[in-house]
Amino acid sequence: MYKLIFTLIFSSVLFGCTSVPVETKNTELEQTLERYISTYQARTDFQRFLSFYADDVVLEDMLYGYKVTSKQQLAEFFNWQSQDVLVLNSQHTLSIEQKIVSIEERTAVLRGIFNPFLYHGKQLGPWRFTTVLHFNEQGLIRYQQDWINYYPRSFVTKAPNLNLKR
């Protein structure tokens, strides 16, 4: 009789326990990523765009040969307020073709296209790209590595070699 009562109590305690499923963390990172992509695509709210980045973010544009090591430098690099960029054909700034997310590594890889745009009056794009994003424990981007297929190549002919600057 005691065994039966013990088994019932133990079973109710065991089945009453709940755990947070991995999907919850997955959903949080994926939701952050979706908000980041939407903000980047719209290219209208620069402060919101910057809010996705940690203060000590590192960005490396591997082909352009440019590296930033702070949110302030990142803001100067992207500088949406300059009005030098005008996306054509009422399209988003970029289109995403593939997203790969690793919850354990807090990493996302985006592959897509920067849609045609005017830069200082010159038509550029489309440019294919791959971007690697590493998120910190607060869900902010702490590292970004861009691989953009710049064309014309004159954009990158004098770019420094980031392989030598680790």
Protein backbone atom coordinates (compact mmCIF):
# COMPACT_ATOMS: atom_id res chain seq x y z
CA MET A 1 0.00 0.00 0.00
CA TYR A 2 2.82 2.43 0.91
CA LYS A 3 4.52 1.59 -2.38
CA LEU A 4 1.36 2.48 -4.30
CA ILE A 5 0.94 5.82 -2.48
CA PHE A 6 4.65 6.65 -2.91
CA THR A 7 4.46 5.77 -6.61
CA LEU A 8 1.38 7.98 -7.10
CA ILE A 9 2.95 10.94 -5.29
CA PHE A 10 6.28 10.52 -7.07
CA SER A 11 4.53 10.22 -10.45
CA SER A 12 2.44 13.34 -9.89
CA VAL A 13 5.54 15.33 -8.92
CA LEU A 14 7.44 13.97 -11.90
CA PHE A 15 4.68 14.68 -14.42
CA GLY A 16 3.93 18.05 -12.85
CA CYS A 17 7.41 19.35 -13.68
CA THR A 18 7.76 21.41 -16.81
CA SER A 19 10.75 22.64 -18.68
CA VAL A 20 11.24 25.45 -21.15
CA PRO A 21 11.46 23.89 -24.59
CA VAL A 22 14.36 24.73 -26.88
CA GLU A 23 11.85 26.20 -29.33
CA THR A 24 11.35 29.16 -26.97
CA LYS A 25 14.97 30.21 -27.27
CA ASN A 26 14.85 29.40 -30.96
CA THR A 27 11.79 31.57 -31.36
CA GLU A 28 13.40 34.49 -29.49
CA LEU A 29 16.49 34.50 -31.71
CA GLU A 30 14.44 33.97 -34.86
CA GLN A 31 12.04 36.76 -33.88
CA THR A 32 14.96 39.11 -33.26
CA LEU A 33 16.42 38.12 -36.61
CA GLU A 34 13.08 38.74 -38.37
CA ARG A 35 12.77 42.19 -36.76
CA TYR A 36 16.36 42.99 -37.78
CA ILE A 37 15.74 41.89 -41.38
CA SER A 38 12.47 43.85 -41.62
CA THR A 39 14.13 46.98 -40.25
CA TYR A 40 17.08 46.63 -42.63
CA GLN A 41 14.78 45.97 -45.60
CA ALA A 42 12.63 49.04 -44.91
CA ARG A 43 15.67 51.28 -44.35
CA THR A 44 13.59 53.97 -42.64
CA ASP A 45 14.40 53.78 -38.90
CA PHE A 46 18.14 54.05 -38.37
CA GLN A 47 17.95 54.18 -34.56
CA ARG A 48 15.91 50.96 -34.51
CA PHE A 49 18.47 49.37 -36.87
CA LEU A 50 21.30 50.36 -34.52
CA SER A 51 19.39 48.98 -31.52
CA PHE A 52 20.05 45.44 -32.76
CA TYR A 53 23.81 45.90 -32.21
CA ALA A 54 25.94 45.67 -29.06
CA ASP A 55 27.97 48.77 -28.15
CA ASP A 56 31.20 46.85 -28.79
CA VAL A 57 30.08 45.30 -32.09
CA VAL A 58 32.72 44.24 -34.60
CA LEU A 59 31.82 44.35 -38.27
CA GLU A 60 34.12 43.11 -41.00
CA ASP A 61 33.28 43.73 -44.64
CA MET A 62 35.69 41.20 -46.05
CA LEU A 63 35.79 42.30 -49.70
CA TYR A 64 35.53 46.03 -49.06
CA GLY A 65 38.31 45.63 -46.49
CA TYR A 66 36.58 47.65 -43.81
CA LYS A 67 36.38 46.89 -40.09
CA VAL A 68 34.53 48.65 -37.28
CA THR A 69 34.89 47.94 -33.56
CA SER A 70 32.06 49.95 -31.99
CA LYS A 71 28.43 50.88 -32.53
CA GLN A 72 29.50 54.49 -33.20
CA GLN A 73 31.79 53.37 -36.03
CA LEU A 74 29.03 51.09 -37.33
CA ALA A 75 26.62 54.06 -37.41
CA GLU A 76 29.17 56.11 -39.36
CA PHE A 77 29.74 53.22 -41.79
CA PHE A 78 26.04 52.61 -42.54
CA ASN A 79 24.95 56.27 -42.19
CA TRP A 80 21.39 55.98 -43.53
CA GLN A 81 20.82 59.69 -42.95
CA SER A 82 23.25 60.69 -45.71
CA GLN A 83 20.58 60.04 -48.38
CA ASP A 84 23.30 58.78 -50.74
CA VAL A 85 21.37 55.54 -51.35
CA LEU A 86 18.01 55.29 -53.10
CA VAL A 87 16.55 51.82 -53.60
CA LEU A 88 14.94 51.44 -57.02
CA ASN A 89 11.63 49.96 -58.17
CA SER A 90 9.95 50.37 -54.76
CA GLN A 91 11.79 47.28 -53.55
CA HIS A 92 13.23 46.49 -50.15
CA THR A 93 16.89 47.27 -49.63
CA LEU A 94 17.63 43.56 -49.60
CA SER A 95 15.93 40.25 -50.25
CA ILE A 96 16.72 37.19 -48.15
CA GLU A 97 17.01 33.87 -49.96
CA GLN A 98 18.26 31.70 -47.11
CA LYS A 99 18.50 31.89 -43.31
CA ILE A 100 20.45 29.44 -41.20
CA VAL A 101 20.16 29.80 -37.43
CA SER A 102 22.16 27.99 -34.74
CA ILE A 103 20.66 28.46 -31.29
CA GLU A 104 23.61 26.83 -29.50
CA GLU A 105 26.10 29.13 -31.22
CA ARG A 106 23.74 32.17 -31.19
CA THR A 107 24.62 32.59 -34.85
CA ALA A 108 22.68 33.34 -38.01
CA VAL A 109 23.82 33.19 -41.61
CA LEU A 110 21.88 35.20 -44.16
CA ARG A 111 22.20 34.79 -47.90
CA GLY A 112 20.46 37.11 -50.31
CA ILE A 113 20.58 40.04 -52.69
CA PHE A 114 20.95 43.78 -52.27
CA ASN A 115 18.36 45.02 -54.75
CA PRO A 116 19.26 47.61 -57.43
CA PHE A 117 19.85 51.09 -56.01
CA LEU A 118 21.31 54.48 -56.79
CA TYR A 119 24.46 55.51 -54.94
CA HIS A 120 25.50 59.14 -55.50
CA GLY A 121 23.36 59.03 -58.65
CA LYS A 122 25.03 55.90 -60.07
CA GLN A 123 22.96 52.74 -60.50
CA LEU A 124 24.42 49.71 -58.71
CA GLY A 125 23.26 46.22 -57.86
CA PRO A 126 21.89 43.73 -57.63
CA TRP A 127 24.66 42.44 -55.37
CA ARG A 128 24.61 38.97 -53.86
CA PHE A 129 25.71 38.69 -50.25
CA THR A 130 26.32 36.35 -47.36
CA THR A 131 26.30 37.75 -43.83
CA VAL A 132 27.27 35.96 -40.63
CA LEU A 133 25.80 37.37 -37.41
CA HIS A 134 26.87 36.35 -33.89
CA PHE A 135 24.54 37.40 -31.06
CA ASN A 136 25.54 37.98 -27.44
CA GLU A 137 23.57 36.65 -24.45
CA GLN A 138 21.35 39.75 -24.49
CA GLY A 139 20.31 39.00 -28.08
CA LEU A 140 22.35 41.84 -29.62
CA ILE A 141 24.64 41.44 -32.63
CA ARG A 142 28.20 41.40 -31.32
CA TYR A 143 29.93 40.36 -34.58
CA GLN A 144 28.97 40.70 -38.23
CA GLN A 145 30.95 39.46 -41.19
CA ASP A 146 29.81 40.55 -44.66
CA TRP A 147 30.71 38.95 -47.97
CA ILE A 148 29.20 41.14 -50.69
CA ASN A 149 29.74 40.58 -54.41
CA TYR A 150 30.50 44.22 -55.22
CA TYR A 151 30.24 45.23 -58.84
CA PRO A 152 31.81 47.10 -60.47
CA ARG A 153 34.99 45.77 -58.93
CA SER A 154 36.40 49.29 -58.62
CA PHE A 155 34.69 49.36 -55.20
CA VAL A 156 37.20 46.88 -53.85
CA THR A 157 40.35 47.13 -55.98
CA LYS A 158 42.20 49.12 -53.30
CA ALA A 159 40.58 47.44 -50.31
CA PRO A 160 42.93 46.45 -47.48
CA ASN A 161 43.41 42.76 -46.81
CA LEU A 162 41.52 41.93 -43.61
CA ASN A 163 43.22 38.53 -43.55
CA LEU A 164 46.31 40.34 -42.29
CA LYS A 165 44.40 42.29 -39.60
CA ARG A 166 43.13 39.83 -37.01
